[in-house]
C-alpha atoms as a PDB file:
ATOM      1  CA  MET A   1       5.640 -25.439  13.629  1.00  0.00           C
ATOM      2  CA  ARG A   2       4.140 -21.983  14.055  1.00  0.00           C
ATOM      3  CA  LYS A   3       4.572 -20.317  10.675  1.00  0.00           C
ATOM      4  CA  SER A   4       4.817 -21.550   7.117  1.00  0.00           C
ATOM      5  CA  VAL A   5       8.414 -22.342   6.200  1.00  0.00           C
ATOM      6  CA  ASN A   6       7.869 -20.910   2.734  1.00  0.00           C
ATOM      7  CA  ASN A   7       5.883 -17.836   3.713  1.00  0.00           C
ATOM      8  CA  PRO A   8       6.252 -16.246   7.159  1.00  0.00           C
ATOM      9  CA  GLN A   9       2.927 -14.452   6.628  1.00  0.00           C
ATOM     10  CA  LEU A  10       0.959 -17.692   6.878  1.00  0.00           C
ATOM     11  CA  ASN A  11       0.312 -20.001   9.790  1.00  0.00           C
ATOM     12  CA  LYS A  12       0.501 -23.785   9.519  1.00  0.00           C
ATOM     13  CA  HIS A  13      -3.085 -23.867   8.229  1.00  0.00           C
ATOM     14  CA  GLY A  14      -2.182 -21.558   5.327  1.00  0.00           C
ATOM     15  CA  GLU A  15      -4.091 -18.644   6.876  1.00  0.00           C
ATOM     16  CA  LEU A  16      -2.844 -15.062   6.919  1.00  0.00           C
ATOM     17  CA  THR A  17      -1.312 -14.259  10.308  1.00  0.00           C
ATOM     18  CA  HIS A  18       0.861 -11.261   9.293  1.00  0.00           C
ATOM     19  CA  LEU A  19       0.669  -8.933   6.294  1.00  0.00           C
ATOM     20  CA  LEU A  20       4.252  -8.238   5.244  1.00  0.00           C
ATOM     21  CA  SER A  21       4.124  -8.228   1.441  1.00  0.00           C
ATOM     22  CA  ILE A  22       1.728  -8.914  -1.425  1.00  0.00           C
ATOM     23  CA  GLU A  23       4.417 -11.037  -3.054  1.00  0.00           C
ATOM     24  CA  GLY A  24       3.822 -14.692  -2.297  1.00  0.00           C
ATOM     25  CA  LEU A  25       0.141 -14.336  -1.378  1.00  0.00           C
ATOM     26  CA  SER A  26      -2.404 -16.274  -3.405  1.00  0.00           C
ATOM     27  CA  ALA A  27      -5.325 -14.791  -5.315  1.00  0.00           C
ATOM     28  CA  PRO A  28      -7.855 -16.372  -2.869  1.00  0.00           C
ATOM     29  CA  ILE A  29      -6.197 -14.603   0.088  1.00  0.00           C
ATOM     30  CA  LEU A  30      -6.190 -11.271  -1.743  1.00  0.00           C
ATOM     31  CA  LYS A  31      -9.831 -11.752  -2.732  1.00  0.00           C
ATOM     32  CA  GLN A  32     -10.738 -12.584   0.884  1.00  0.00           C
ATOM     33  CA  ILE A  33      -9.259  -9.248   1.986  1.00  0.00           C
ATOM     34  CA  LEU A  34     -11.011  -7.310  -0.790  1.00  0.00           C
ATOM     35  CA  GLU A  35     -14.383  -8.945  -0.142  1.00  0.00           C
ATOM     36  CA  THR A  36     -14.074  -8.361   3.608  1.00  0.00           C
ATOM     37  CA  ALA A  37     -13.194  -4.731   2.903  1.00  0.00           C
ATOM     38  CA  ALA A  38     -16.318  -4.354   0.769  1.00  0.00           C
ATOM     39  CA  SER A  39     -18.397  -5.361   3.792  1.00  0.00           C
ATOM     40  CA  PHE A  40     -16.755  -2.598   5.859  1.00  0.00           C
ATOM     41  CA  VAL A  41     -17.242   0.293   3.391  1.00  0.00           C
ATOM     42  CA  GLY A  42     -20.714   0.973   4.734  1.00  0.00           C
ATOM     43  CA  VAL A  43     -19.535   1.313   8.358  1.00  0.00           C
ATOM     44  CA  ALA A  44     -18.488   4.910   7.679  1.00  0.00           C
ATOM     45  CA  GLU A  45     -22.084   5.781   6.759  1.00  0.00           C
ATOM     46  CA  ARG A  46     -23.527   4.596  10.063  1.00  0.00           C
ATOM     47  CA  GLU A  47     -24.404   6.935  12.916  1.00  0.00           C
ATOM     48  CA  VAL A  48     -22.089   4.884  15.158  1.00  0.00           C
ATOM     49  CA  LYS A  49     -19.049   4.093  13.027  1.00  0.00           C
ATOM     50  CA  LYS A  50     -17.901   1.058  15.013  1.00  0.00           C
ATOM     51  CA  VAL A  51     -18.026  -2.728  14.969  1.00  0.00           C
ATOM     52  CA  PRO A  52     -16.849  -4.800  17.954  1.00  0.00           C
ATOM     53  CA  LEU A  53     -14.460  -7.201  16.190  1.00  0.00           C
ATOM     54  CA  LEU A  54     -11.276  -5.992  17.945  1.00  0.00           C
ATOM     55  CA  ARG A  55     -12.822  -4.979  21.262  1.00  0.00           C
ATOM     56  CA  GLY A  56     -10.307  -5.576  24.047  1.00  0.00           C
ATOM     57  CA  LYS A  57      -7.367  -5.742  21.613  1.00  0.00           C
ATOM     58  CA  THR A  58      -4.485  -3.255  21.515  1.00  0.00           C
ATOM     59  CA  VAL A  59      -3.030  -2.084  18.197  1.00  0.00           C
ATOM     60  CA  CYS A  60       0.361  -0.320  18.279  1.00  0.00           C
ATOM     61  CA  ASN A  61       1.296   1.992  15.415  1.00  0.00           C
ATOM     62  CA  ILE A  62       5.110   2.085  15.382  1.00  0.00           C
ATOM     63  CA  PHE A  63       6.234   4.550  12.724  1.00  0.00           C
ATOM     64  CA  PHE A  64       9.979   5.005  12.353  1.00  0.00           C
ATOM     65  CA  GLU A  65       9.225   7.138   9.255  1.00  0.00           C
ATOM     66  CA  ASN A  66       6.725   9.965   9.110  1.00  0.00           C
ATOM     67  CA  SER A  67       3.429   9.323   7.351  1.00  0.00           C
ATOM     68  CA  THR A  68       0.435  11.212   8.614  1.00  0.00           C
ATOM     69  CA  ARG A  69      -1.979   9.763   6.046  1.00  0.00           C
ATOM     70  CA  THR A  70      -1.095   6.077   6.484  1.00  0.00           C
ATOM     71  CA  ARG A  71      -0.835   6.263  10.272  1.00  0.00           C
ATOM     72  CA  THR A  72      -4.126   8.138  10.546  1.00  0.00           C
ATOM     73  CA  THR A  73      -6.031   5.671   8.350  1.00  0.00           C
ATOM     74  CA  PHE A  74      -4.650   2.741  10.355  1.00  0.00           C
ATOM     75  CA  GLU A  75      -5.684   4.492  13.563  1.00  0.00           C
ATOM     76  CA  ILE A  76      -9.204   5.167  12.261  1.00  0.00           C
ATOM     77  CA  ALA A  77      -9.479   1.569  11.017  1.00  0.00           C
ATOM     78  CA  ALA A  78      -8.447   0.119  14.383  1.00  0.00           C
ATOM     79  CA  LYS A  79     -10.804   2.392  16.310  1.00  0.00           C
ATOM     80  CA  ARG A  80     -13.710   1.502  14.017  1.00  0.00           C
ATOM     81  CA  LEU A  81     -13.009  -2.120  14.938  1.00  0.00           C
ATOM     82  CA  SER A  82     -13.212  -1.024  18.629  1.00  0.00           C
ATOM     83  CA  ALA A  83      -9.512  -1.632  19.350  1.00  0.00           C
ATOM     84  CA  ASP A  84      -7.415   0.423  21.732  1.00  0.00           C
ATOM     85  CA  VAL A  85      -4.711   2.262  19.766  1.00  0.00           C
ATOM     86  CA  ILE A  86      -1.242   3.342  20.814  1.00  0.00           C
ATOM     87  CA  ASN A  87       0.700   5.665  18.505  1.00  0.00           C
ATOM     88  CA  LEU A  88       4.413   5.455  19.273  1.00  0.00           C
ATOM     89  CA  ASN A  89       6.310   8.597  18.361  1.00  0.00           C
ATOM     90  CA  VAL A  90       9.637   6.925  17.691  1.00  0.00           C
ATOM     91  CA  GLY A  91      11.506  10.198  17.248  1.00  0.00           C
ATOM     92  CA  THR A  92      10.989  10.986  20.942  1.00  0.00           C
ATOM     93  CA  SER A  93      10.998   7.399  22.231  1.00  0.00           C
ATOM     94  CA  SER A  94      13.720   5.128  23.544  1.00  0.00           C
ATOM     95  CA  GLN A  95      14.706   4.348  19.935  1.00  0.00           C
ATOM     96  CA  SER A  96      16.421   7.713  19.778  1.00  0.00           C
ATOM     97  CA  LYS A  97      18.369   6.735  22.893  1.00  0.00           C
ATOM     98  CA  GLY A  98      19.746   3.570  21.317  1.00  0.00           C
ATOM     99  CA  GLU A  99      17.071   0.974  22.093  1.00  0.00           C
ATOM    100  CA  THR A 100      16.705  -1.662  19.366  1.00  0.00           C
ATOM    101  CA  ILE A 101      13.520  -2.266  17.395  1.00  0.00           C
ATOM    102  CA  LEU A 102      13.010  -5.611  19.119  1.00  0.00           C
ATOM    103  CA  ASP A 103      13.551  -4.067  22.569  1.00  0.00           C
ATOM    104  CA  THR A 104      10.787  -1.585  21.754  1.00  0.00           C
ATOM    105  CA  VAL A 105       8.507  -4.401  20.576  1.00  0.00           C
ATOM    106  CA  ASP A 106       9.241  -6.545  23.648  1.00  0.00           C
ATOM    107  CA  ASN A 107       8.310  -3.682  25.952  1.00  0.00           C
ATOM    108  CA  LEU A 108       5.019  -3.205  24.130  1.00  0.00           C
ATOM    109  CA  ILE A 109       4.328  -6.952  24.263  1.00  0.00           C
ATOM    110  CA  ALA A 110       4.886  -6.758  28.028  1.00  0.00           C
ATOM    111  CA  MET A 111       2.113  -4.164  28.018  1.00  0.00           C
ATOM    112  CA  HIS A 112      -0.126  -6.741  26.249  1.00  0.00           C
ATOM    113  CA  ALA A 113      -0.029  -5.384  22.693  1.00  0.00           C
ATOM    114  CA  ASP A 114      -1.847  -7.658  20.225  1.00  0.00           C
ATOM    115  CA  MET A 115      -0.979  -6.174  16.842  1.00  0.00           C
ATOM    116  CA  PHE A 116       1.838  -4.033  15.442  1.00  0.00           C
ATOM    117  CA  VAL A 117       1.566  -1.705  12.454  1.00  0.00           C
ATOM    118  CA  VAL A 118       5.146  -0.937  11.451  1.00  0.00           C
ATOM    119  CA  ARG A 119       6.694   1.601   9.085  1.00  0.00           C
ATOM    120  CA  HIS A 120      10.455   1.712   8.751  1.00  0.00           C
ATOM    121  CA  ALA A 121      13.056   3.119   6.355  1.00  0.00           C
ATOM    122  CA  GLN A 122      14.851  -0.255   6.208  1.00  0.00           C
ATOM    123  CA  SER A 123      13.491  -3.061   4.036  1.00  0.00           C
ATOM    124  CA  GLY A 124      12.657  -6.145   6.081  1.00  0.00           C
ATOM    125  CA  ALA A 125      11.927  -4.414   9.405  1.00  0.00           C
ATOM    126  CA  ALA A 126       8.372  -5.801   9.614  1.00  0.00           C
ATOM    127  CA  HIS A 127       9.656  -9.296   8.706  1.00  0.00           C
ATOM    128  CA  LEU A 128      12.179  -9.075  11.553  1.00  0.00           C
ATOM    129  CA  ILE A 129       9.443  -8.267  14.056  1.00  0.00           C
ATOM    130  CA  ALA A 130       7.121 -10.963  12.680  1.00  0.00           C
ATOM    131  CA  ARG A 131       9.814 -13.616  13.173  1.00  0.00           C
ATOM    132  CA  HIS A 132      10.361 -12.397  16.724  1.00  0.00           C
ATOM    133  CA  VAL A 133       6.823 -12.286  18.135  1.00  0.00           C
ATOM    134  CA  GLY A 134       4.663 -15.148  19.376  1.00  0.00           C
ATOM    135  CA  SER A 135       1.888 -16.804  17.395  1.00  0.00           C
ATOM    136  CA  ASP A 136      -0.814 -14.732  19.129  1.00  0.00           C
ATOM    137  CA  ILE A 137       0.615 -11.417  17.893  1.00  0.00           C
ATOM    138  CA  HIS A 138       0.188 -10.004  14.391  1.00  0.00           C
ATOM    139  CA  VAL A 139       2.348  -7.645  12.339  1.00  0.00           C
ATOM    140  CA  ILE A 140       1.281  -5.402   9.459  1.00  0.00           C
ATOM    141  CA  ASN A 141       3.891  -3.797   7.224  1.00  0.00           C
ATOM    142  CA  ALA A 142       2.925  -0.148   6.677  1.00  0.00           C
ATOM    143  CA  GLY A 143       5.908   0.402   4.377  1.00  0.00           C
ATOM    144  CA  ASP A 144       9.528  -0.763   4.603  1.00  0.00           C
ATOM    145  CA  GLY A 145      12.245   0.961   2.604  1.00  0.00           C
ATOM    146  CA  ARG A 146      11.837   0.355  -1.117  1.00  0.00           C
ATOM    147  CA  HIS A 147      10.432  -3.113  -0.501  1.00  0.00           C
ATOM    148  CA  ALA A 148       6.677  -3.200   0.053  1.00  0.00           C
ATOM    149  CA  HIS A 149       3.564  -1.316   1.144  1.00  0.00           C
ATOM    150  CA  PRO A 150       0.957  -4.089   1.022  1.00  0.00           C
ATOM    151  CA  THR A 151      -2.112  -2.260   2.353  1.00  0.00           C
ATOM    152  CA  GLN A 152      -1.564   0.534  -0.182  1.00  0.00           C
ATOM    153  CA  GLY A 153      -1.352  -2.059  -2.966  1.00  0.00           C
ATOM    154  CA  LEU A 154      -4.549  -3.673  -1.678  1.00  0.00           C
ATOM    155  CA  LEU A 155      -6.511  -0.432  -1.403  1.00  0.00           C
ATOM    156  CA  ASP A 156      -5.387   0.471  -4.915  1.00  0.00           C
ATOM    157  CA  VAL A 157      -6.644  -2.810  -6.387  1.00  0.00           C
ATOM    158  CA  PHE A 158      -9.834  -2.466  -4.308  1.00  0.00           C
ATOM    159  CA  THR A 159     -10.357   0.929  -5.973  1.00  0.00           C
ATOM    160  CA  VAL A 160      -9.646  -0.524  -9.422  1.00  0.00           C
ATOM    161  CA  ARG A 161     -12.076  -3.388  -8.814  1.00  0.00           C
ATOM    162  CA  HIS A 162     -14.758  -0.990  -7.609  1.00  0.00           C
ATOM    163  CA  TYR A 163     -14.661   1.099 -10.786  1.00  0.00           C
ATOM    164  CA  LYS A 164     -13.552  -1.620 -13.224  1.00  0.00           C
ATOM    165  CA  PRO A 165     -15.023  -4.923 -11.979  1.00  0.00           C
ATOM    166  CA  ASP A 166     -13.827  -6.997 -14.950  1.00  0.00           C
ATOM    167  CA  MET A 167     -10.170  -7.120 -13.946  1.00  0.00           C
ATOM    168  CA  HIS A 168      -9.410  -9.861 -16.480  1.00  0.00           C
ATOM    169  CA  ASN A 169      -9.935  -7.357 -19.295  1.00  0.00           C
ATOM    170  CA  LEU A 170      -7.910  -4.347 -18.146  1.00  0.00           C
ATOM    171  CA  ARG A 171      -4.856  -2.383 -19.178  1.00  0.00           C
ATOM    172  CA  VAL A 172      -3.229  -0.625 -16.224  1.00  0.00           C
ATOM    173  CA  ALA A 173      -0.371   1.890 -16.449  1.00  0.00           C
ATOM    174  CA  VAL A 174       1.871   2.627 -13.445  1.00  0.00           C
ATOM    175  CA  VAL A 175       3.669   5.909 -14.124  1.00  0.00           C
ATOM    176  CA  GLY A 176       6.702   7.472 -12.470  1.00  0.00           C
ATOM    177  CA  ASP A 177       9.384   6.619  -9.937  1.00  0.00           C
ATOM    178  CA  VAL A 178       9.096   2.832  -9.896  1.00  0.00           C
ATOM    179  CA  LEU A 179      12.723   2.445  -8.762  1.00  0.00           C
ATOM    180  CA  HIS A 180      12.203   3.952  -5.303  1.00  0.00           C
ATOM    181  CA  SER A 181       8.521   3.057  -4.874  1.00  0.00           C
ATOM    182  CA  ARG A 182       7.429   0.290  -2.509  1.00  0.00           C
ATOM    183  CA  VAL A 183       3.863   1.170  -3.530  1.00  0.00           C
ATOM    184  CA  ALA A 184       4.582   0.294  -7.174  1.00  0.00           C
ATOM    185  CA  ARG A 185       5.927  -3.144  -6.263  1.00  0.00           C
ATOM    186  CA  SER A 186       2.906  -3.934  -4.113  1.00  0.00           C
ATOM    187  CA  GLU A 187       0.492  -2.659  -6.778  1.00  0.00           C
ATOM    188  CA  ILE A 188       2.142  -4.713  -9.519  1.00  0.00           C
ATOM    189  CA  HIS A 189       2.153  -7.928  -7.462  1.00  0.00           C
ATOM    190  CA  ALA A 190      -1.515  -7.419  -6.521  1.00  0.00           C
ATOM    191  CA  LEU A 191      -2.651  -6.629 -10.066  1.00  0.00           C
ATOM    192  CA  THR A 192      -0.839  -9.561 -11.677  1.00  0.00           C
ATOM    193  CA  THR A 193      -1.933 -12.010  -8.950  1.00  0.00           C
ATOM    194  CA  LEU A 194      -5.560 -10.975  -9.450  1.00  0.00           C
ATOM    195  CA  GLY A 195      -5.346 -11.646 -13.177  1.00  0.00           C
ATOM    196  CA  VAL A 196      -4.970  -8.211 -14.774  1.00  0.00           C
ATOM    197  CA  PRO A 197      -3.609  -9.221 -18.203  1.00  0.00           C
ATOM    198  CA  GLU A 198      -1.607  -6.104 -19.046  1.00  0.00           C
ATOM    199  CA  VAL A 199       0.314  -3.991 -16.555  1.00  0.00           C
ATOM    200  CA  ARG A 200       2.528  -1.281 -18.023  1.00  0.00           C
ATOM    201  CA  VAL A 201       5.196   0.782 -16.318  1.00  0.00           C
ATOM    202  CA  ILE A 202       6.052   4.183 -17.800  1.00  0.00           C
ATOM    203  CA  ALA A 203       9.171   5.958 -16.588  1.00  0.00           C
ATOM    204  CA  PRO A 204      12.585   7.245 -17.602  1.00  0.00           C
ATOM    205  CA  LYS A 205      15.267   4.539 -17.539  1.00  0.00           C
ATOM    206  CA  THR A 206      16.851   6.171 -14.482  1.00  0.00           C
ATOM    207  CA  LEU A 207      13.671   5.567 -12.436  1.00  0.00           C
ATOM    208  CA  LEU A 208      13.180   1.894 -13.303  1.00  0.00           C
ATOM    209  CA  PRO A 209      14.735  -1.044 -11.430  1.00  0.00           C
ATOM    210  CA  GLN A 210      16.945  -3.404 -13.397  1.00  0.00           C
ATOM    211  CA  GLU A 211      15.076  -6.319 -14.957  1.00  0.00           C
ATOM    212  CA  VAL A 212      11.719  -4.785 -14.018  1.00  0.00           C
ATOM    213  CA  GLU A 213      10.180  -6.943 -16.786  1.00  0.00           C
ATOM    214  CA  LYS A 214      10.542  -9.945 -14.446  1.00  0.00           C
ATOM    215  CA  LEU A 215       7.651  -8.504 -12.427  1.00  0.00           C
ATOM    216  CA  GLY A 216       5.410  -9.305 -15.393  1.00  0.00           C
ATOM    217  CA  VAL A 217       5.088  -5.771 -16.743  1.00  0.00           C
ATOM    218  CA  GLN A 218       5.541  -4.117 -20.115  1.00  0.00           C
ATOM    219  CA  VAL A 219       8.021  -1.242 -20.102  1.00  0.00           C
ATOM    220  CA  TYR A 220       7.474   2.116 -21.815  1.00  0.00           C
ATOM    221  CA  HIS A 221       9.629   5.222 -21.706  1.00  0.00           C
ATOM    222  CA  ASP A 222       7.166   7.663 -23.270  1.00  0.00           C
ATOM    223  CA  MET A 223       3.635   8.605 -22.257  1.00  0.00           C
ATOM    224  CA  ALA A 224       2.222   8.674 -25.789  1.00  0.00           C
ATOM    225  CA  SER A 225       2.608   4.940 -26.384  1.00  0.00           C
ATOM    226  CA  GLY A 226       2.376   3.883 -22.729  1.00  0.00           C
ATOM    227  CA  LEU A 227      -0.995   5.502 -22.041  1.00  0.00           C
ATOM    228  CA  LYS A 228      -2.646   4.489 -25.308  1.00  0.00           C
ATOM    229  CA  ASP A 229      -5.972   2.762 -24.606  1.00  0.00           C
ATOM    230  CA  VAL A 230      -5.348   2.090 -20.899  1.00  0.00           C
ATOM    231  CA  ASP A 231      -8.233   1.722 -18.437  1.00  0.00           C
ATOM    232  CA  VAL A 232      -6.398   2.758 -15.264  1.00  0.00           C
ATOM    233  CA  ILE A 233      -3.562   5.239 -14.703  1.00  0.00           C
ATOM    234  CA  MET A 234      -1.700   4.931 -11.404  1.00  0.00           C
ATOM    235  CA  MET A 235       0.572   7.923 -10.870  1.00  0.00           C
ATOM    236  CA  LEU A 236       3.468   7.589  -8.425  1.00  0.00           C
ATOM    237  CA  ARG A 237       4.974  10.242  -6.198  1.00  0.00           C
ATOM    238  CA  LEU A 238       8.555  11.277  -6.934  1.00  0.00           C
ATOM    239  CA  GLN A 239      10.480   9.778  -4.018  1.00  0.00           C
ATOM    240  CA  ASN A 240      12.887  12.683  -3.570  1.00  0.00           C
ATOM    241  CA  GLU A 241      13.871  11.543  -0.084  1.00  0.00           C
ATOM    242  CA  ARG A 242      15.096   8.194  -1.435  1.00  0.00           C
ATOM    243  CA  MET A 243      16.939   9.444  -4.502  1.00  0.00           C
ATOM    244  CA  ASN A 244      20.720   9.410  -4.665  1.00  0.00           C
ATOM    245  CA  GLY A 245      22.254  11.832  -7.115  1.00  0.00           C
ATOM    246  CA  ALA A 246      20.752  13.573 -10.098  1.00  0.00           C
ATOM    247  CA  LEU A 247      18.379  11.009 -11.606  1.00  0.00           C
ATOM    248  CA  LEU A 248      16.275  13.785 -13.159  1.00  0.00           C
ATOM    249  CA  PRO A 249      17.222  17.061 -14.834  1.00  0.00           C
ATOM    250  CA  SER A 250      14.514  18.987 -12.924  1.00  0.00           C
ATOM    251  CA  ALA A 251      10.991  18.684 -11.566  1.00  0.00           C
ATOM    252  CA  GLN A 252       9.769  20.966 -14.339  1.00  0.00           C
ATOM    253  CA  GLU A 253      11.352  18.778 -17.013  1.00  0.00           C
ATOM    254  CA  TYR A 254       9.853  15.684 -15.381  1.00  0.00           C
ATOM    255  CA  PHE A 255       6.371  17.232 -15.440  1.00  0.00           C
ATOM    256  CA  LYS A 256       6.741  18.199 -19.078  1.00  0.00           C
ATOM    257  CA  THR A 257       7.586  14.606 -20.053  1.00  0.00           C
ATOM    258  CA  TYR A 258       5.862  12.396 -17.464  1.00  0.00           C
ATOM    259  CA  GLY A 259       3.411  14.609 -15.587  1.00  0.00           C
ATOM    260  CA  LEU A 260      -0.240  13.708 -16.176  1.00  0.00           C
ATOM    261  CA  THR A 261      -2.037  16.540 -17.958  1.00  0.00           C
ATOM    262  CA  GLN A 262      -5.417  16.631 -19.683  1.00  0.00           C
ATOM    263  CA  ASP A 263      -3.702  16.180 -23.055  1.00  0.00           C
ATOM    264  CA  LYS A 264      -1.871  13.049 -21.898  1.00  0.00           C
ATOM    265  CA  LEU A 265      -4.965  11.703 -20.162  1.00  0.00           C
ATOM    266  CA  ALA A 266      -6.799  11.954 -23.512  1.00  0.00           C
ATOM    267  CA  LEU A 267      -4.498   9.188 -24.812  1.00  0.00           C
ATOM    268  CA  ALA A 268      -6.150   6.692 -22.466  1.00  0.00           C
ATOM    269  CA  LYS A 269      -9.657   5.297 -22.835  1.00  0.00           C
ATOM    270  CA  PRO A 270     -12.399   7.929 -22.367  1.00  0.00           C
ATOM    271  CA  ASP A 271     -13.572   6.254 -19.151  1.00  0.00           C
ATOM    272  CA  ALA A 272     -10.081   5.668 -17.712  1.00  0.00           C
ATOM    273  CA  ILE A 273      -9.667   6.365 -13.999  1.00  0.00           C
ATOM    274  CA  VAL A 274      -6.745   8.284 -12.484  1.00  0.00           C
ATOM    275  CA  MET A 275      -5.160   7.218  -9.189  1.00  0.00           C
ATOM    276  CA  HIS A 276      -2.368   8.480  -6.921  1.00  0.00           C
ATOM    277  CA  PRO A 277      -1.258   7.038  -3.554  1.00  0.00           C
ATOM    278  CA  GLY A 278      -0.546  10.517  -2.155  1.00  0.00           C
ATOM    279  CA  PRO A 279       0.684  12.860  -1.079  1.00  0.00           C
ATOM    280  CA  MET A 280       0.589  14.463  -4.527  1.00  0.00           C
ATOM    281  CA  ASN A 281       3.159  16.877  -5.886  1.00  0.00           C
ATOM    282  CA  ARG A 282       0.846  18.995  -8.023  1.00  0.00           C
ATOM    283  CA  GLY A 283       2.577  20.320 -11.083  1.00  0.00           C
ATOM    284  CA  VAL A 284       5.236  17.598 -10.850  1.00  0.00           C
ATOM    285  CA  GLU A 285       3.484  14.218 -11.190  1.00  0.00           C
ATOM    286  CA  ILE A 286       0.011  15.452 -11.959  1.00  0.00           C
ATOM    287  CA  ASP A 287      -1.767  18.617 -13.059  1.00  0.00           C
ATOM    288  CA  SER A 288      -4.409  19.982 -10.697  1.00  0.00           C
ATOM    289  CA  THR A 289      -7.076  19.908 -13.415  1.00  0.00           C
ATOM    290  CA  VAL A 290      -6.547  16.124 -13.654  1.00  0.00           C
ATOM    291  CA  ALA A 291      -6.166  15.508  -9.906  1.00  0.00           C
ATOM    292  CA  ASP A 292      -9.455  17.304  -9.237  1.00  0.00           C
ATOM    293  CA  GLY A 293     -11.168  16.226 -12.461  1.00  0.00           C
ATOM    294  CA  ALA A 294     -14.043  13.884 -13.219  1.00  0.00           C
ATOM    295  CA  GLN A 295     -11.787  10.878 -13.919  1.00  0.00           C
ATOM    296  CA  SER A 296      -9.845  11.174 -10.664  1.00  0.00           C
ATOM    297  CA  VAL A 297     -10.592   8.614  -7.923  1.00  0.00           C
ATOM    298  CA  ILE A 298      -7.810   9.820  -5.618  1.00  0.00           C
ATOM    299  CA  LEU A 299     -10.075  10.747  -2.697  1.00  0.00           C
ATOM    300  CA  PRO A 300     -12.106   7.506  -2.903  1.00  0.00           C
ATOM    301  CA  GLN A 301      -8.759   5.675  -2.622  1.00  0.00           C
ATOM    302  CA  VAL A 302      -8.306   7.245   0.820  1.00  0.00           C
ATOM    303  CA  THR A 303     -11.837   6.285   1.870  1.00  0.00           C
ATOM    304  CA  TYR A 304     -11.415   2.691   0.698  1.00  0.00           C
ATOM    305  CA  GLY A 305      -8.048   2.542   2.465  1.00  0.00           C
ATOM    306  CA  ILE A 306      -9.796   2.593   5.836  1.00  0.00           C
ATOM    307  CA  ALA A 307     -12.061  -0.328   4.869  1.00  0.00           C
ATOM    308  CA  VAL A 308      -9.113  -2.334   3.502  1.00  0.00           C
ATOM    309  CA  ARG A 309      -7.076  -1.792   6.663  1.00  0.00           C
ATOM    310  CA  MET A 310     -10.098  -2.789   8.766  1.00  0.00           C
ATOM    311  CA  ALA A 311     -10.346  -5.960   6.685  1.00  0.00           C
ATOM    312  CA  VAL A 312      -6.676  -6.851   7.161  1.00  0.00           C
ATOM    313  CA  MET A 313      -6.806  -6.301  10.923  1.00  0.00           C
ATOM    314  CA  SER A 314     -10.008  -8.289  11.368  1.00  0.00           C
ATOM    315  CA  ILE A 315      -8.711 -11.219   9.292  1.00  0.00           C
ATOM    316  CA  LEU A 316      -5.395 -11.369  11.147  1.00  0.00           C
ATOM    317  CA  ALA A 317      -7.120 -11.206  14.530  1.00  0.00           C
ATOM    318  CA  GLY A 318      -9.342 -14.107  13.506  1.00  0.00           C
ATOM    319  CA  ASN A 319      -6.410 -16.307  12.427  1.00  0.00           C
ATOM    320  CA  THR A 320      -4.596 -16.673  15.737  1.00  0.00           C
ATOM    321  CA  GLU A 321      -3.471 -20.252  16.345  1.00  0.00           C
END
């Protein structure tokens, strides 16, 4: 028995061996990642920004979807752990000539790859690879379809915990295109698992999944009631590339109703923080005065993302059977 029957992310000892989704992970595992990440935050302030934990290991970034920000932060994280990094440009690789995902992975394994960071437009792609590889190889899901983006969810809760340490006494609002957002799902699972008592989603009905309440959230359709007295506002990007049909009248109308402005921000607690996973559509999801304002922690999210991804890689590498 190599992997847990119930959770393919865990080995037979219950340790994290892949990171595919936040869903199904326990609070102790999430806390282990967050606490390990906290120990890595200071690495960026050193003269030599490296630790030797992945020296001699090869990390392959396989991105079947474009994402400069996520791929770059994974690359920086791996290099700070002293790993060798291969970035596979799938658009110009054998994939475009008909080679399957698993053929691509097998060829990289033959070149002694140790860890795969995978982004794909199809939900479940990272799970497929994780089931295929041997017990000495690790897979990190860097976003699959509408399903999950676990490291983004983790860096978001790391940011929340940094600014609002008492997570058992928080109101968090997730605002925008929840229907198409893998980030939203990962954020919600992470927040509820870590004991945040009230998670709200605010969106038009057309941008909410059916039965979203089953995720343990409270649903609001207007900003006035949804943002009242919240501690954290997580804005979501409009996923235009994943939308089918006219779910919104216009970007301008969306901004008028659901875009975060100073007036809407004033509905939240005075010390509320504003987050966004990026890239931002200024003037659509968020006003520039808010994005660049005193309550915004959008740039620290990016900084903490490197530490969180370092933590995930180091933990996985240490849990080889």
